[in-house]
Amino acid sequence: MHPVHILGRDICGGHADLVIIPCSGKLKDIEKPRNQQRIDYYGLPRPSDLRGTFGYGKVSPIFPPTKNIEKIRYFAFAASVFDSADPDGLRSIGEQIGLVTRNQPNIRLVEAPFLGCGDGGLTPIVAIPALAKGFLSSYHPDSTLQICSDSALSAAIASRAIFTLFEEIHREKSVGPEDPVSRAGEYAYAIALSFASEQRSFAEALSALLEAHGVRVFYDNDEQADLWGRNLYDELFETYSTRSRYCVILVSDAYSRKLWTNHERRAAQDRAFRENGNAYILPIHFDRTRLAGLPSTIGHVNAVLGVERIVELLLSKLE
């Protein structure tokens, strides 16, 4: 029995020891009508009443409801959004939820919504495993985290992501972690992602799911510390022209108009020319844009296939 489950219902639709309610890291009043109704129905404090006690990536102190207490013993607010969400913030929240179960013996069943997936802008493939990883790093062995969504599609995507996460954990325990470089062969990265900021959420989901399968990915946000202080013009050219087994380009109108993406494209095309007909650039199309120097005859996939199906294709390609 896994300690993290995905449920297709509202977070207040069952019995729980602790229910987490989402709020902004800026600690303003919750504006969504459903959450306002919960505050009133259960007699909860408003997030602004807790100003100064927690912020983005944190969980508030827990408190019992003062009304309608038959189903839920305690509540807490989680600040999963500031201007946007990120996996580190979600992981921090999960870890704090786990610590609550470890430190308070009367709290064993915790329910949370899909934190970070609404106003935070993350996909369930990224946000839910991050929340789960944090929880698993600190939870009491007898406790359970149930993550709830009214959206059947989001619940299905998150269930697959959680399944992949537990497969990875089981594999690491049984045979040890796979060296991510092994799929990359002689290269530093198996996949280098090149994309415009407008497609960042898609790229982030792609990177997270590939990494979960042991694939070493060049994704700029993961390389910030390493790139800090370096000549980015030279470093990125080397990454996209010599250091990666494949380059995946997220083709869009935004991509075609930006200086840095065109620099990355030219580096990738330099490598493709030297490959003498072997596949190197793997395009994913978001619209009908045609990139300079990228023939329309090159095989591509469409982003409407979805992240999970495209990851399956990439894994097959890497094999």
C-alpha atoms as a PDB file:
ATOM      1  CA  MET A   1       0.000   0.000   0.000  1.00  0.00           C
ATOM      2  CA  HIS A   2       1.585   3.271  -1.105  1.00  0.00           C
ATOM      3  CA  PRO A   3       1.615   6.205   1.356  1.00  0.00           C
ATOM      4  CA  VAL A   4       0.529   8.655  -1.386  1.00  0.00           C
ATOM      5  CA  HIS A   5      -2.755   8.308  -3.277  1.00  0.00           C
ATOM      6  CA  ILE A   6      -4.594  10.324  -5.909  1.00  0.00           C
ATOM      7  CA  LEU A   7      -8.350  10.770  -5.420  1.00  0.00           C
ATOM      8  CA  GLY A   8     -10.873  12.154  -7.879  1.00  0.00           C
ATOM      9  CA  ARG A   9     -12.910  14.316  -5.528  1.00  0.00           C
ATOM     10  CA  ASP A  10     -12.864  17.527  -3.540  1.00  0.00           C
ATOM     11  CA  ILE A  11     -10.489  17.725  -0.561  1.00  0.00           C
ATOM     12  CA  CYS A  12     -13.365  18.238   1.856  1.00  0.00           C
ATOM     13  CA  GLY A  13     -15.384  15.341   0.445  1.00  0.00           C
ATOM     14  CA  GLY A  14     -14.229  12.698   2.931  1.00  0.00           C
ATOM     15  CA  HIS A  15     -12.962  12.155   6.463  1.00  0.00           C
ATOM     16  CA  ALA A  16      -9.426  13.279   7.274  1.00  0.00           C
ATOM     17  CA  ASP A  17      -7.260  14.107  10.247  1.00  0.00           C
ATOM     18  CA  LEU A  18      -5.792  17.142   8.468  1.00  0.00           C
ATOM     19  CA  VAL A  19      -6.922  18.989   5.350  1.00  0.00           C
ATOM     20  CA  ILE A  20      -4.622  21.408   3.549  1.00  0.00           C
ATOM     21  CA  ILE A  21      -6.204  24.458   1.910  1.00  0.00           C
ATOM     22  CA  PRO A  22      -4.310  26.348  -0.812  1.00  0.00           C
ATOM     23  CA  CYS A  23      -3.520  30.020  -0.528  1.00  0.00           C
ATOM     24  CA  SER A  24      -1.154  32.577  -1.993  1.00  0.00           C
ATOM     25  CA  GLY A  25       2.352  32.983  -0.660  1.00  0.00           C
ATOM     26  CA  LYS A  26       1.505  36.684  -0.434  1.00  0.00           C
ATOM     27  CA  LEU A  27      -1.040  35.683   2.230  1.00  0.00           C
ATOM     28  CA  LYS A  28      -3.924  37.630   0.828  1.00  0.00           C
ATOM     29  CA  ASP A  29      -7.466  36.504   1.468  1.00  0.00           C
ATOM     30  CA  ILE A  30      -8.397  33.514  -0.653  1.00  0.00           C
ATOM     31  CA  GLU A  31     -10.438  34.873  -3.543  1.00  0.00           C
ATOM     32  CA  LYS A  32     -11.933  31.678  -4.945  1.00  0.00           C
ATOM     33  CA  PRO A  33     -15.553  31.251  -3.836  1.00  0.00           C
ATOM     34  CA  ARG A  34     -15.134  27.588  -2.890  1.00  0.00           C
ATOM     35  CA  ASN A  35     -12.340  28.353  -0.439  1.00  0.00           C
ATOM     36  CA  GLN A  36     -14.250  31.298   1.014  1.00  0.00           C
ATOM     37  CA  GLN A  37     -17.150  28.904   1.586  1.00  0.00           C
ATOM     38  CA  ARG A  38     -14.848  26.483   3.382  1.00  0.00           C
ATOM     39  CA  ILE A  39     -13.537  29.221   5.652  1.00  0.00           C
ATOM     40  CA  ASP A  40     -17.066  30.207   6.594  1.00  0.00           C
ATOM     41  CA  TYR A  41     -18.446  26.663   6.835  1.00  0.00           C
ATOM     42  CA  TYR A  42     -15.704  25.348   9.111  1.00  0.00           C
ATOM     43  CA  GLY A  43     -15.108  28.551  11.067  1.00  0.00           C
ATOM     44  CA  LEU A  44     -11.489  28.940   9.961  1.00  0.00           C
ATOM     45  CA  PRO A  45      -9.223  31.962  10.236  1.00  0.00           C
ATOM     46  CA  ARG A  46      -8.533  33.880   7.050  1.00  0.00           C
ATOM     47  CA  PRO A  47      -5.017  33.583   5.559  1.00  0.00           C
ATOM     48  CA  SER A  48      -4.472  37.299   6.183  1.00  0.00           C
ATOM     49  CA  ASP A  49      -5.058  36.655   9.896  1.00  0.00           C
ATOM     50  CA  LEU A  50      -1.934  34.446   9.838  1.00  0.00           C
ATOM     51  CA  ARG A  51       0.312  37.025   8.212  1.00  0.00           C
ATOM     52  CA  GLY A  52       3.883  36.703   9.416  1.00  0.00           C
ATOM     53  CA  THR A  53       3.602  33.055  10.474  1.00  0.00           C
ATOM     54  CA  PHE A  54       4.354  31.476   7.063  1.00  0.00           C
ATOM     55  CA  GLY A  55       5.004  32.334   3.419  1.00  0.00           C
ATOM     56  CA  TYR A  56       5.566  30.791   0.011  1.00  0.00           C
ATOM     57  CA  GLY A  57       6.524  27.117   0.115  1.00  0.00           C
ATOM     58  CA  LYS A  58       5.371  26.828   3.738  1.00  0.00           C
ATOM     59  CA  VAL A  59       2.478  25.348   5.705  1.00  0.00           C
ATOM     60  CA  SER A  60       0.669  27.409   8.321  1.00  0.00           C
ATOM     61  CA  PRO A  61       0.172  26.325  11.930  1.00  0.00           C
ATOM     62  CA  ILE A  62      -2.654  23.785  12.142  1.00  0.00           C
ATOM     63  CA  PHE A  63      -5.946  24.604  13.843  1.00  0.00           C
ATOM     64  CA  PRO A  64      -9.217  22.779  14.519  1.00  0.00           C
ATOM     65  CA  PRO A  65     -12.440  23.949  12.862  1.00  0.00           C
ATOM     66  CA  THR A  66     -14.899  25.686  15.168  1.00  0.00           C
ATOM     67  CA  LYS A  67     -17.994  24.573  13.216  1.00  0.00           C
ATOM     68  CA  ASN A  68     -19.199  21.438  11.402  1.00  0.00           C
ATOM     69  CA  ILE A  69     -16.453  19.243  12.816  1.00  0.00           C
ATOM     70  CA  GLU A  70     -17.876  15.796  12.058  1.00  0.00           C
ATOM     71  CA  LYS A  71     -15.543  15.009   9.136  1.00  0.00           C
ATOM     72  CA  ILE A  72     -12.260  16.854   9.524  1.00  0.00           C
ATOM     73  CA  ARG A  73     -10.174  17.250  12.681  1.00  0.00           C
ATOM     74  CA  TYR A  74      -7.667  19.921  11.632  1.00  0.00           C
ATOM     75  CA  PHE A  75      -6.918  22.395   8.858  1.00  0.00           C
ATOM     76  CA  ALA A  76      -3.829  24.226   7.638  1.00  0.00           C
ATOM     77  CA  PHE A  77      -3.091  26.595   4.763  1.00  0.00           C
ATOM     78  CA  ALA A  78      -0.313  25.882   2.263  1.00  0.00           C
ATOM     79  CA  ALA A  79       1.264  28.796   0.404  1.00  0.00           C
ATOM     80  CA  SER A  80       1.919  27.025  -2.888  1.00  0.00           C
ATOM     81  CA  VAL A  81       1.765  30.091  -5.141  1.00  0.00           C
ATOM     82  CA  PHE A  82       3.599  33.391  -5.054  1.00  0.00           C
ATOM     83  CA  ASP A  83       3.650  34.754  -8.588  1.00  0.00           C
ATOM     84  CA  SER A  84       4.006  31.166  -9.788  1.00  0.00           C
ATOM     85  CA  ALA A  85       4.792  27.779  -8.274  1.00  0.00           C
ATOM     86  CA  ASP A  86       7.963  25.724  -8.553  1.00  0.00           C
ATOM     87  CA  PRO A  87       8.846  22.107  -7.654  1.00  0.00           C
ATOM     88  CA  ASP A  88      11.132  23.125  -4.774  1.00  0.00           C
ATOM     89  CA  GLY A  89       8.268  24.999  -3.107  1.00  0.00           C
ATOM     90  CA  LEU A  90       5.973  21.988  -3.500  1.00  0.00           C
ATOM     91  CA  ARG A  91       8.644  19.647  -2.149  1.00  0.00           C
ATOM     92  CA  SER A  92       9.071  21.892   0.896  1.00  0.00           C
ATOM     93  CA  ILE A  93       5.330  21.809   1.562  1.00  0.00           C
ATOM     94  CA  GLY A  94       5.270  18.012   1.266  1.00  0.00           C
ATOM     95  CA  GLU A  95       8.145  17.704   3.720  1.00  0.00           C
ATOM     96  CA  GLN A  96       6.357  19.897   6.256  1.00  0.00           C
ATOM     97  CA  ILE A  97       3.171  17.839   5.904  1.00  0.00           C
ATOM     98  CA  GLY A  98       5.229  14.707   6.551  1.00  0.00           C
ATOM     99  CA  LEU A  99       6.741  16.257   9.672  1.00  0.00           C
ATOM    100  CA  VAL A 100       3.258  16.989  11.014  1.00  0.00           C
ATOM    101  CA  THR A 101       2.398  13.272  10.788  1.00  0.00           C
ATOM    102  CA  ARG A 102       5.677  12.366  12.463  1.00  0.00           C
ATOM    103  CA  ASN A 103       5.320  14.866  15.306  1.00  0.00           C
ATOM    104  CA  GLN A 104       1.584  14.581  16.005  1.00  0.00           C
ATOM    105  CA  PRO A 105       0.327  11.030  16.657  1.00  0.00           C
ATOM    106  CA  ASN A 106      -3.328  12.004  16.187  1.00  0.00           C
ATOM    107  CA  ILE A 107      -2.700  13.007  12.550  1.00  0.00           C
ATOM    108  CA  ARG A 108      -2.224  10.094  10.182  1.00  0.00           C
ATOM    109  CA  LEU A 109      -4.490  10.833   7.201  1.00  0.00           C
ATOM    110  CA  VAL A 110      -3.799  14.092   5.380  1.00  0.00           C
ATOM    111  CA  GLU A 111      -5.641  15.371   2.328  1.00  0.00           C
ATOM    112  CA  ALA A 112      -4.368  18.090   0.015  1.00  0.00           C
ATOM    113  CA  PRO A 113      -5.511  19.497  -3.321  1.00  0.00           C
ATOM    114  CA  PHE A 114      -3.364  19.619  -6.467  1.00  0.00           C
ATOM    115  CA  LEU A 115      -1.169  22.353  -5.015  1.00  0.00           C
ATOM    116  CA  GLY A 116       0.668  24.424  -7.614  1.00  0.00           C
ATOM    117  CA  CYS A 117      -1.461  23.187 -10.521  1.00  0.00           C
ATOM    118  CA  GLY A 118      -3.977  26.040 -10.596  1.00  0.00           C
ATOM    119  CA  ASP A 119      -2.729  29.597 -10.312  1.00  0.00           C
ATOM    120  CA  GLY A 120       0.774  28.212  -9.816  1.00  0.00           C
ATOM    121  CA  GLY A 121       0.886  27.077 -13.440  1.00  0.00           C
ATOM    122  CA  LEU A 122       2.559  23.681 -12.913  1.00  0.00           C
ATOM    123  CA  THR A 123       1.332  20.487 -14.557  1.00  0.00           C
ATOM    124  CA  PRO A 124       0.351  17.529 -12.329  1.00  0.00           C
ATOM    125  CA  ILE A 125       3.292  15.583 -13.790  1.00  0.00           C
ATOM    126  CA  VAL A 126       5.661  18.073 -12.149  1.00  0.00           C
ATOM    127  CA  ALA A 127       3.785  19.291  -9.076  1.00  0.00           C
ATOM    128  CA  ILE A 128       2.373  16.082  -7.614  1.00  0.00           C
ATOM    129  CA  PRO A 129       5.610  14.024  -7.585  1.00  0.00           C
ATOM    130  CA  ALA A 130       7.398  17.028  -6.038  1.00  0.00           C
ATOM    131  CA  LEU A 131       4.784  17.180  -3.251  1.00  0.00           C
ATOM    132  CA  ALA A 132       5.000  13.401  -2.813  1.00  0.00           C
ATOM    133  CA  LYS A 133       8.819  13.382  -2.671  1.00  0.00           C
ATOM    134  CA  GLY A 134       8.757  15.970   0.090  1.00  0.00           C
ATOM    135  CA  PHE A 135       6.196  13.980   2.050  1.00  0.00           C
ATOM    136  CA  LEU A 136       8.128  10.721   1.639  1.00  0.00           C
ATOM    137  CA  SER A 137      11.288  12.357   2.987  1.00  0.00           C
ATOM    138  CA  SER A 138       9.764  13.004   6.414  1.00  0.00           C
ATOM    139  CA  TYR A 139       6.429  11.170   6.925  1.00  0.00           C
ATOM    140  CA  HIS A 140       5.442   8.776   9.702  1.00  0.00           C
ATOM    141  CA  PRO A 141       5.343   5.199   8.323  1.00  0.00           C
ATOM    142  CA  ASP A 142       1.715   4.789   9.385  1.00  0.00           C
ATOM    143  CA  SER A 143       0.524   7.968   7.679  1.00  0.00           C
ATOM    144  CA  THR A 144      -1.009   8.602   4.268  1.00  0.00           C
ATOM    145  CA  LEU A 145      -1.225  11.615   2.003  1.00  0.00           C
ATOM    146  CA  GLN A 146      -4.263  11.726  -0.270  1.00  0.00           C
ATOM    147  CA  ILE A 147      -4.071  14.311  -3.070  1.00  0.00           C
ATOM    148  CA  CYS A 148      -7.476  15.235  -4.471  1.00  0.00           C
ATOM    149  CA  SER A 149      -8.697  16.761  -7.731  1.00  0.00           C
ATOM    150  CA  ASP A 150     -12.165  17.258  -9.177  1.00  0.00           C
ATOM    151  CA  SER A 151     -10.656  16.921 -12.661  1.00  0.00           C
ATOM    152  CA  ALA A 152     -10.647  13.325 -13.904  1.00  0.00           C
ATOM    153  CA  LEU A 153      -7.955  14.188 -16.454  1.00  0.00           C
ATOM    154  CA  SER A 154      -5.655  15.794 -13.865  1.00  0.00           C
ATOM    155  CA  ALA A 155      -6.199  12.866 -11.507  1.00  0.00           C
ATOM    156  CA  ALA A 156      -5.308  10.380 -14.262  1.00  0.00           C
ATOM    157  CA  ILE A 157      -2.127  12.282 -15.190  1.00  0.00           C
ATOM    158  CA  ALA A 158      -1.065  12.575 -11.547  1.00  0.00           C
ATOM    159  CA  SER A 159      -1.798   8.889 -10.882  1.00  0.00           C
ATOM    160  CA  ARG A 160       0.543   7.927 -13.713  1.00  0.00           C
ATOM    161  CA  ALA A 161       3.215  10.300 -12.395  1.00  0.00           C
ATOM    162  CA  ILE A 162       2.930   8.846  -8.871  1.00  0.00           C
ATOM    163  CA  PHE A 163       3.059   5.307 -10.279  1.00  0.00           C
ATOM    164  CA  THR A 164       6.269   6.219 -12.120  1.00  0.00           C
ATOM    165  CA  LEU A 165       7.700   7.751  -8.943  1.00  0.00           C
ATOM    166  CA  PHE A 166       7.096   4.597  -6.886  1.00  0.00           C
ATOM    167  CA  GLU A 167       8.473   2.395  -9.669  1.00  0.00           C
ATOM    168  CA  GLU A 168      11.634   4.499  -9.586  1.00  0.00           C
ATOM    169  CA  ILE A 169      11.882   4.255  -5.780  1.00  0.00           C
ATOM    170  CA  HIS A 170      11.396   0.480  -5.922  1.00  0.00           C
ATOM    171  CA  ARG A 171      14.034   0.107  -8.632  1.00  0.00           C
ATOM    172  CA  GLU A 172      16.566   2.191  -6.690  1.00  0.00           C
ATOM    173  CA  LYS A 173      16.016   0.109  -3.562  1.00  0.00           C
ATOM    174  CA  SER A 174      16.367  -3.188  -5.418  1.00  0.00           C
ATOM    175  CA  VAL A 175      19.214  -2.523  -7.860  1.00  0.00           C
ATOM    176  CA  GLY A 176      20.533   0.932  -6.965  1.00  0.00           C
ATOM    177  CA  PRO A 177      19.994   4.120  -8.960  1.00  0.00           C
ATOM    178  CA  GLU A 178      20.651   4.010 -12.682  1.00  0.00           C
ATOM    179  CA  ASP A 179      23.413   6.300 -13.829  1.00  0.00           C
ATOM    180  CA  PRO A 180      21.526   8.950 -15.832  1.00  0.00           C
ATOM    181  CA  VAL A 181      24.529   9.324 -18.129  1.00  0.00           C
ATOM    182  CA  SER A 182      24.142   5.696 -19.243  1.00  0.00           C
ATOM    183  CA  ARG A 183      21.316   6.598 -21.596  1.00  0.00           C
ATOM    184  CA  ALA A 184      23.414   9.436 -22.917  1.00  0.00           C
ATOM    185  CA  GLY A 185      26.264   7.206 -24.049  1.00  0.00           C
ATOM    186  CA  GLU A 186      29.423   9.248 -24.586  1.00  0.00           C
ATOM    187  CA  TYR A 187      27.589  12.572 -24.121  1.00  0.00           C
ATOM    188  CA  ALA A 188      26.973  14.659 -21.007  1.00  0.00           C
ATOM    189  CA  TYR A 189      23.229  14.726 -21.739  1.00  0.00           C
ATOM    190  CA  ALA A 190      20.890  12.304 -23.439  1.00  0.00           C
ATOM    191  CA  ILE A 191      18.486  15.132 -24.316  1.00  0.00           C
ATOM    192  CA  ALA A 192      19.019  18.886 -24.596  1.00  0.00           C
ATOM    193  CA  LEU A 193      15.763  20.843 -24.512  1.00  0.00           C
ATOM    194  CA  SER A 194      15.546  24.052 -26.543  1.00  0.00           C
ATOM    195  CA  PHE A 195      12.388  26.123 -26.102  1.00  0.00           C
ATOM    196  CA  ALA A 196      10.901  29.574 -25.702  1.00  0.00           C
ATOM    197  CA  SER A 197       9.665  30.709 -22.294  1.00  0.00           C
ATOM    198  CA  GLU A 198       6.073  30.439 -23.559  1.00  0.00           C
ATOM    199  CA  GLN A 199       6.525  26.640 -23.599  1.00  0.00           C
ATOM    200  CA  ARG A 200       8.345  26.383 -20.254  1.00  0.00           C
ATOM    201  CA  SER A 201       5.600  24.446 -18.441  1.00  0.00           C
ATOM    202  CA  PHE A 202       5.641  21.811 -21.203  1.00  0.00           C
ATOM    203  CA  ALA A 203       9.450  21.659 -21.149  1.00  0.00           C
ATOM    204  CA  GLU A 204       9.496  21.371 -17.357  1.00  0.00           C
ATOM    205  CA  ALA A 205       7.050  18.466 -17.433  1.00  0.00           C
ATOM    206  CA  LEU A 206       9.065  16.786 -20.198  1.00  0.00           C
ATOM    207  CA  SER A 207      12.299  17.173 -18.239  1.00  0.00           C
ATOM    208  CA  ALA A 208      10.812  15.918 -14.964  1.00  0.00           C
ATOM    209  CA  LEU A 209       9.306  12.795 -16.487  1.00  0.00           C
ATOM    210  CA  LEU A 210      12.455  11.960 -18.468  1.00  0.00           C
ATOM    211  CA  GLU A 211      14.597  12.405 -15.348  1.00  0.00           C
ATOM    212  CA  ALA A 212      12.224  10.064 -13.487  1.00  0.00           C
ATOM    213  CA  HIS A 213      13.119   7.434 -16.094  1.00  0.00           C
ATOM    214  CA  GLY A 214      16.850   7.936 -15.530  1.00  0.00           C
ATOM    215  CA  VAL A 215      17.439  10.173 -18.544  1.00  0.00           C
ATOM    216  CA  ARG A 216      19.991  12.966 -18.167  1.00  0.00           C
ATOM    217  CA  VAL A 217      18.371  16.142 -19.544  1.00  0.00           C
ATOM    218  CA  PHE A 218      19.779  19.593 -20.165  1.00  0.00           C
ATOM    219  CA  TYR A 219      17.010  21.863 -18.860  1.00  0.00           C
ATOM    220  CA  ASP A 220      18.172  25.409 -18.171  1.00  0.00           C
ATOM    221  CA  ASN A 221      16.540  25.818 -14.749  1.00  0.00           C
ATOM    222  CA  ASP A 222      18.398  22.739 -13.475  1.00  0.00           C
ATOM    223  CA  GLU A 223      21.749  24.132 -14.608  1.00  0.00           C
ATOM    224  CA  GLN A 224      21.582  27.642 -13.135  1.00  0.00           C
ATOM    225  CA  ALA A 225      24.329  27.097 -10.547  1.00  0.00           C
ATOM    226  CA  ASP A 226      26.667  25.521 -13.090  1.00  0.00           C
ATOM    227  CA  LEU A 227      26.070  28.236 -15.702  1.00  0.00           C
ATOM    228  CA  TRP A 228      26.371  31.123 -13.252  1.00  0.00           C
ATOM    229  CA  GLY A 229      29.343  33.282 -14.200  1.00  0.00           C
ATOM    230  CA  ARG A 230      30.118  31.432 -17.440  1.00  0.00           C
ATOM    231  CA  ASN A 231      29.998  32.789 -20.983  1.00  0.00           C
ATOM    232  CA  LEU A 232      26.497  31.608 -21.884  1.00  0.00           C
ATOM    233  CA  TYR A 233      26.978  32.226 -25.595  1.00  0.00           C
ATOM    234  CA  ASP A 234      29.834  29.706 -25.713  1.00  0.00           C
ATOM    235  CA  GLU A 235      28.442  27.301 -23.107  1.00  0.00           C
ATOM    236  CA  LEU A 236      25.055  26.950 -24.787  1.00  0.00           C
ATOM    237  CA  PHE A 237      26.604  26.536 -28.220  1.00  0.00           C
ATOM    238  CA  GLU A 238      28.727  23.663 -26.903  1.00  0.00           C
ATOM    239  CA  THR A 239      25.772  22.053 -25.137  1.00  0.00           C
ATOM    240  CA  TYR A 240      23.564  22.065 -28.223  1.00  0.00           C
ATOM    241  CA  SER A 241      26.309  21.199 -30.719  1.00  0.00           C
ATOM    242  CA  THR A 242      28.556  18.659 -28.963  1.00  0.00           C
ATOM    243  CA  ARG A 243      27.417  17.638 -25.458  1.00  0.00           C
ATOM    244  CA  SER A 244      24.024  16.027 -26.137  1.00  0.00           C
ATOM    245  CA  ARG A 245      22.910  12.861 -27.854  1.00  0.00           C
ATOM    246  CA  TYR A 246      19.713  14.486 -29.164  1.00  0.00           C
ATOM    247  CA  CYS A 247      18.328  18.001 -29.222  1.00  0.00           C
ATOM    248  CA  VAL A 248      14.574  18.356 -28.725  1.00  0.00           C
ATOM    249  CA  ILE A 249      13.275  21.675 -30.069  1.00  0.00           C
ATOM    250  CA  LEU A 250       9.823  22.914 -29.051  1.00  0.00           C
ATOM    251  CA  VAL A 251       8.909  24.657 -32.298  1.00  0.00           C
ATOM    252  CA  SER A 252       6.624  27.668 -31.981  1.00  0.00           C
ATOM    253  CA  ASP A 253       6.201  31.177 -33.305  1.00  0.00           C
ATOM    254  CA  ALA A 254       7.731  32.506 -30.069  1.00  0.00           C
ATOM    255  CA  TYR A 255      10.752  30.240 -30.561  1.00  0.00           C
ATOM    256  CA  SER A 256      11.385  31.595 -34.069  1.00  0.00           C
ATOM    257  CA  ARG A 257      11.470  35.230 -32.886  1.00  0.00           C
ATOM    258  CA  LYS A 258      13.935  35.093 -29.969  1.00  0.00           C
ATOM    259  CA  LEU A 259      17.686  35.649 -30.006  1.00  0.00           C
ATOM    260  CA  TRP A 260      18.729  32.900 -27.600  1.00  0.00           C
ATOM    261  CA  THR A 261      16.507  30.197 -29.065  1.00  0.00           C
ATOM    262  CA  ASN A 262      17.869  30.969 -32.534  1.00  0.00           C
ATOM    263  CA  HIS A 263      21.397  30.732 -31.141  1.00  0.00           C
ATOM    264  CA  GLU A 264      20.544  27.294 -29.741  1.00  0.00           C
ATOM    265  CA  ARG A 265      18.924  26.295 -33.059  1.00  0.00           C
ATOM    266  CA  ARG A 266      22.013  27.253 -35.039  1.00  0.00           C
ATOM    267  CA  ALA A 267      24.217  25.243 -32.656  1.00  0.00           C
ATOM    268  CA  ALA A 268      21.944  22.220 -33.040  1.00  0.00           C
ATOM    269  CA  GLN A 269      21.947  22.607 -36.839  1.00  0.00           C
ATOM    270  CA  ASP A 270      25.751  22.737 -36.824  1.00  0.00           C
ATOM    271  CA  ARG A 271      25.723  19.345 -35.114  1.00  0.00           C
ATOM    272  CA  ALA A 272      22.975  17.965 -37.373  1.00  0.00           C
ATOM    273  CA  PHE A 273      25.081  18.868 -40.436  1.00  0.00           C
ATOM    274  CA  ARG A 274      28.000  16.894 -39.007  1.00  0.00           C
ATOM    275  CA  GLU A 275      25.766  13.891 -38.277  1.00  0.00           C
ATOM    276  CA  ASN A 276      25.605  13.278 -42.039  1.00  0.00           C
ATOM    277  CA  GLY A 277      21.975  12.192 -42.123  1.00  0.00           C
ATOM    278  CA  ASN A 278      21.703  10.605 -38.670  1.00  0.00           C
ATOM    279  CA  ALA A 279      18.855  11.985 -36.546  1.00  0.00           C
ATOM    280  CA  TYR A 280      19.870  14.642 -34.048  1.00  0.00           C
ATOM    281  CA  ILE A 281      17.204  17.381 -33.958  1.00  0.00           C
ATOM    282  CA  LEU A 282      13.843  16.052 -32.744  1.00  0.00           C
ATOM    283  CA  PRO A 283      11.170  18.743 -33.294  1.00  0.00           C
ATOM    284  CA  ILE A 284       7.936  19.010 -31.301  1.00  0.00           C
ATOM    285  CA  HIS A 285       5.520  21.388 -33.020  1.00  0.00           C
ATOM    286  CA  PHE A 286       3.159  23.698 -31.126  1.00  0.00           C
ATOM    287  CA  ASP A 287       1.916  25.478 -34.246  1.00  0.00           C
ATOM    288  CA  ARG A 288       2.654  25.664 -37.983  1.00  0.00           C
ATOM    289  CA  THR A 289       5.858  27.684 -37.603  1.00  0.00           C
ATOM    290  CA  ARG A 290       8.745  26.688 -39.864  1.00  0.00           C
ATOM    291  CA  LEU A 291      12.235  27.339 -38.520  1.00  0.00           C
ATOM    292  CA  ALA A 292      15.013  28.634 -40.746  1.00  0.00           C
ATOM    293  CA  GLY A 293      17.296  25.827 -41.826  1.00  0.00           C
ATOM    294  CA  LEU A 294      14.995  23.090 -40.517  1.00  0.00           C
ATOM    295  CA  PRO A 295      13.511  21.251 -43.525  1.00  0.00           C
ATOM    296  CA  SER A 296       9.806  20.462 -43.415  1.00  0.00           C
ATOM    297  CA  THR A 297      10.721  16.894 -44.411  1.00  0.00           C
ATOM    298  CA  ILE A 298      12.320  16.201 -41.009  1.00  0.00           C
ATOM    299  CA  GLY A 299      10.072  13.899 -39.006  1.00  0.00           C
ATOM    300  CA  HIS A 300       8.378  15.607 -36.073  1.00  0.00           C
ATOM    301  CA  VAL A 301       5.641  15.069 -33.487  1.00  0.00           C
ATOM    302  CA  ASN A 302       2.886  17.423 -32.437  1.00  0.00           C
ATOM    303  CA  ALA A 303       2.596  18.724 -28.882  1.00  0.00           C
ATOM    304  CA  VAL A 304      -1.054  17.641 -28.784  1.00  0.00           C
ATOM    305  CA  LEU A 305       0.201  14.086 -28.257  1.00  0.00           C
ATOM    306  CA  GLY A 306       0.881  15.133 -24.674  1.00  0.00           C
ATOM    307  CA  VAL A 307       3.953  14.890 -22.477  1.00  0.00           C
ATOM    308  CA  GLU A 308       3.524  11.244 -21.452  1.00  0.00           C
ATOM    309  CA  ARG A 309       3.234   9.905 -25.011  1.00  0.00           C
ATOM    310  CA  ILE A 310       6.164  12.012 -26.203  1.00  0.00           C
ATOM    311  CA  VAL A 311       8.293  10.736 -23.314  1.00  0.00           C
ATOM    312  CA  GLU A 312       7.441   7.167 -24.361  1.00  0.00           C
ATOM    313  CA  LEU A 313       8.633   7.970 -27.899  1.00  0.00           C
ATOM    314  CA  LEU A 314      11.841   9.548 -26.606  1.00  0.00           C
ATOM    315  CA  LEU A 315      12.575   6.543 -24.406  1.00  0.00           C
ATOM    316  CA  SER A 316      12.157   4.291 -27.441  1.00  0.00           C
ATOM    317  CA  LYS A 317      14.484   6.553 -29.407  1.00  0.00           C
ATOM    318  CA  LEU A 318      17.125   6.392 -26.682  1.00  0.00           C
ATOM    319  CA  GLU A 319      16.981   2.605 -26.552  1.00  0.00           C
END
